[in-house]
Amino acid sequence: MHDSSTTGPDNLPPAARRALAEAEARRKAADAVRRPAELGGRDGLDPARYGDWEKKGIAVDF
């Protein structure tokens, strides 16, 4: 069984605590960033950029 009295944030070395704090800050920052909507997408004007040479398993030679 897991004994929470011997492991946990209080018993971690300082470097591990800093790493956990940095990871939490990165997660919060990534959640706060609003990603722009994709315009055009894979059906856009440049097929090589969006991977249109293969759609639904059919390769297209252009």
N, C-alpha and C. Protein backbone atom coordinates (compact mmCIF):
# COMPACT_ATOMS: atom_id res chain seq x y z
N MET A 1 0.83 -1.18 0.00
CA MET A 1 0.00 0.00 0.00
C MET A 1 0.87 1.24 0.00
N HIS A 2 0.28 2.33 -0.34
CA HIS A 2 0.99 3.59 -0.41
C HIS A 2 0.86 4.32 0.92
N ASP A 3 1.98 4.66 1.49
CA ASP A 3 1.99 5.37 2.77
C ASP A 3 2.29 6.83 2.50
N SER A 4 1.29 7.69 2.64
CA SER A 4 1.46 9.10 2.32
C SER A 4 2.30 9.84 3.36
N SER A 5 2.55 9.21 4.50
CA SER A 5 3.34 9.89 5.52
C SER A 5 4.83 9.90 5.17
N THR A 6 5.29 8.97 4.31
CA THR A 6 6.70 8.92 3.96
C THR A 6 6.98 9.58 2.62
N THR A 7 5.96 9.76 1.80
CA THR A 7 6.17 10.41 0.52
C THR A 7 5.18 11.54 0.38
N GLY A 8 5.56 12.51 -0.36
CA GLY A 8 4.69 13.65 -0.57
C GLY A 8 5.51 14.89 -0.82
N PRO A 9 4.86 16.00 -1.07
CA PRO A 9 5.59 17.23 -1.38
C PRO A 9 6.50 17.70 -0.25
N ASP A 10 6.16 17.38 0.98
CA ASP A 10 6.98 17.84 2.11
C ASP A 10 8.29 17.08 2.21
N ASN A 11 8.33 15.85 1.71
CA ASN A 11 9.53 15.03 1.83
C ASN A 11 10.39 15.04 0.58
N LEU A 12 10.02 15.83 -0.42
CA LEU A 12 10.80 15.89 -1.65
C LEU A 12 12.00 16.80 -1.47
N PRO A 13 13.08 16.50 -2.21
CA PRO A 13 14.23 17.41 -2.18
C PRO A 13 13.85 18.76 -2.80
N PRO A 14 14.58 19.80 -2.46
CA PRO A 14 14.26 21.14 -2.97
C PRO A 14 14.22 21.21 -4.50
N ALA A 15 15.12 20.50 -5.17
CA ALA A 15 15.14 20.53 -6.64
C ALA A 15 13.85 19.93 -7.20
N ALA A 16 13.36 18.88 -6.58
CA ALA A 16 12.12 18.26 -7.05
C ALA A 16 10.93 19.18 -6.81
N ARG A 17 10.92 19.88 -5.70
CA ARG A 17 9.84 20.84 -5.43
C ARG A 17 9.85 21.97 -6.45
N ARG A 18 11.06 22.46 -6.79
CA ARG A 18 11.16 23.51 -7.80
C ARG A 18 10.67 23.00 -9.15
N ALA A 19 11.04 21.77 -9.50
CA ALA A 19 10.61 21.20 -10.78
C ALA A 19 9.09 21.07 -10.83
N LEU A 20 8.48 20.64 -9.74
CA LEU A 20 7.02 20.53 -9.70
C LEU A 20 6.36 21.90 -9.82
N ALA A 21 6.93 22.89 -9.16
CA ALA A 21 6.38 24.25 -9.23
C ALA A 21 6.51 24.81 -10.65
N GLU A 22 7.66 24.56 -11.29
CA GLU A 22 7.85 25.04 -12.67
C GLU A 22 6.89 24.34 -13.63
N ALA A 23 6.69 23.04 -13.44
CA ALA A 23 5.77 22.31 -14.30
C ALA A 23 4.35 22.82 -14.14
N GLU A 24 3.95 23.10 -12.91
CA GLU A 24 2.61 23.64 -12.66
C GLU A 24 2.45 25.01 -13.31
N ALA A 25 3.49 25.84 -13.23
CA ALA A 25 3.44 27.17 -13.86
C ALA A 25 3.33 27.04 -15.37
N ARG A 26 4.07 26.09 -15.96
CA ARG A 26 3.99 25.87 -17.42
C ARG A 26 2.61 25.40 -17.82
N ARG A 27 2.01 24.50 -17.02
CA ARG A 27 0.66 24.02 -17.33
C ARG A 27 -0.35 25.16 -17.28
N LYS A 28 -0.24 26.01 -16.26
CA LYS A 28 -1.17 27.14 -16.14
C LYS A 28 -0.98 28.11 -17.31
N ALA A 29 0.28 28.36 -17.69
CA ALA A 29 0.54 29.27 -18.81
C ALA A 29 0.02 28.68 -20.12
N ALA A 30 0.17 27.38 -20.31
CA ALA A 30 -0.31 26.74 -21.53
C ALA A 30 -1.83 26.77 -21.59
N ASP A 31 -2.49 26.60 -20.45
CA ASP A 31 -3.94 26.66 -20.42
C ASP A 31 -4.45 28.07 -20.68
N ALA A 32 -3.66 29.07 -20.26
CA ALA A 32 -4.09 30.46 -20.41
C ALA A 32 -3.95 30.96 -21.84
N VAL A 33 -3.05 30.33 -22.61
CA VAL A 33 -2.83 30.76 -24.00
C VAL A 33 -4.00 30.32 -24.85
N ARG A 34 -4.58 31.26 -25.53
CA ARG A 34 -5.69 30.94 -26.42
C ARG A 34 -5.12 30.74 -27.81
N ARG A 35 -5.29 29.56 -28.34
CA ARG A 35 -4.75 29.25 -29.65
C ARG A 35 -5.68 29.79 -30.73
N PRO A 36 -5.10 30.37 -31.78
CA PRO A 36 -5.94 30.89 -32.86
C PRO A 36 -6.58 29.76 -33.66
N ALA A 37 -7.72 30.05 -34.23
CA ALA A 37 -8.39 29.06 -35.07
C ALA A 37 -7.62 28.89 -36.37
N GLU A 38 -7.57 27.68 -36.87
CA GLU A 38 -6.87 27.41 -38.11
C GLU A 38 -7.72 27.86 -39.29
N LEU A 39 -7.14 28.65 -40.15
CA LEU A 39 -7.84 29.12 -41.34
C LEU A 39 -7.35 28.33 -42.54
N GLY A 40 -8.24 27.78 -43.29
CA GLY A 40 -7.85 26.99 -44.46
C GLY A 40 -7.66 25.53 -44.11
N GLY A 41 -6.76 25.25 -43.21
CA GLY A 41 -6.52 23.88 -42.80
C GLY A 41 -5.98 23.01 -43.92
N ARG A 42 -6.23 21.74 -43.83
CA ARG A 42 -5.68 20.86 -44.85
C ARG A 42 -6.40 20.96 -46.17
N ASP A 43 -7.51 21.61 -46.23
CA ASP A 43 -8.18 21.82 -47.51
C ASP A 43 -7.84 23.18 -48.09
N GLY A 44 -6.82 23.83 -47.56
CA GLY A 44 -6.44 25.17 -48.01
C GLY A 44 -5.73 25.16 -49.35
N LEU A 45 -5.07 26.26 -49.67
CA LEU A 45 -4.46 26.45 -50.97
C LEU A 45 -3.16 25.69 -51.18
N ASP A 46 -2.39 25.43 -50.14
CA ASP A 46 -1.08 24.80 -50.27
C ASP A 46 -1.14 23.36 -49.76
N PRO A 47 -1.34 22.38 -50.66
CA PRO A 47 -1.50 21.00 -50.20
C PRO A 47 -0.26 20.42 -49.53
N ALA A 48 0.94 20.82 -49.96
CA ALA A 48 2.16 20.28 -49.37
C ALA A 48 2.29 20.72 -47.91
N ARG A 49 1.81 21.88 -47.60
CA ARG A 49 1.93 22.39 -46.24
C ARG A 49 1.02 21.65 -45.27
N TYR A 50 -0.15 21.28 -45.71
CA TYR A 50 -1.13 20.69 -44.80
C TYR A 50 -1.27 19.18 -44.95
N GLY A 51 -0.47 18.57 -45.79
CA GLY A 51 -0.51 17.12 -45.91
C GLY A 51 -1.63 16.60 -46.79
N ASP A 52 -2.08 17.39 -47.76
CA ASP A 52 -3.18 16.97 -48.61
C ASP A 52 -2.79 15.89 -49.61
N TRP A 53 -1.52 15.57 -49.74
CA TRP A 53 -1.14 14.56 -50.69
C TRP A 53 -1.66 13.19 -50.26
N GLU A 54 -2.13 13.09 -49.03
CA GLU A 54 -2.75 11.85 -48.58
C GLU A 54 -4.02 12.19 -47.81
N LYS A 55 -5.16 11.83 -48.41
CA LYS A 55 -6.45 12.05 -47.77
C LYS A 55 -7.24 10.76 -47.82
N LYS A 56 -7.71 10.35 -46.67
CA LYS A 56 -8.50 9.12 -46.56
C LYS A 56 -7.77 7.92 -47.14
N GLY A 57 -6.46 7.88 -46.96
CA GLY A 57 -5.66 6.75 -47.41
C GLY A 57 -5.33 6.76 -48.88
N ILE A 58 -5.72 7.78 -49.62
CA ILE A 58 -5.44 7.86 -51.06
C ILE A 58 -4.34 8.89 -51.27
N ALA A 59 -3.21 8.44 -51.86
CA ALA A 59 -2.11 9.35 -52.14
C ALA A 59 -2.35 10.04 -53.47
N VAL A 60 -2.11 11.34 -53.49
CA VAL A 60 -2.34 12.13 -54.70
C VAL A 60 -1.00 12.65 -55.18
N ASP A 61 -0.67 12.39 -56.46
CA ASP A 61 0.56 12.89 -57.05
C ASP A 61 0.26 14.21 -57.74
N PHE A 62 0.91 15.26 -57.30
CA PHE A 62 0.63 16.56 -57.90
C PHE A 62 1.89 17.19 -58.42
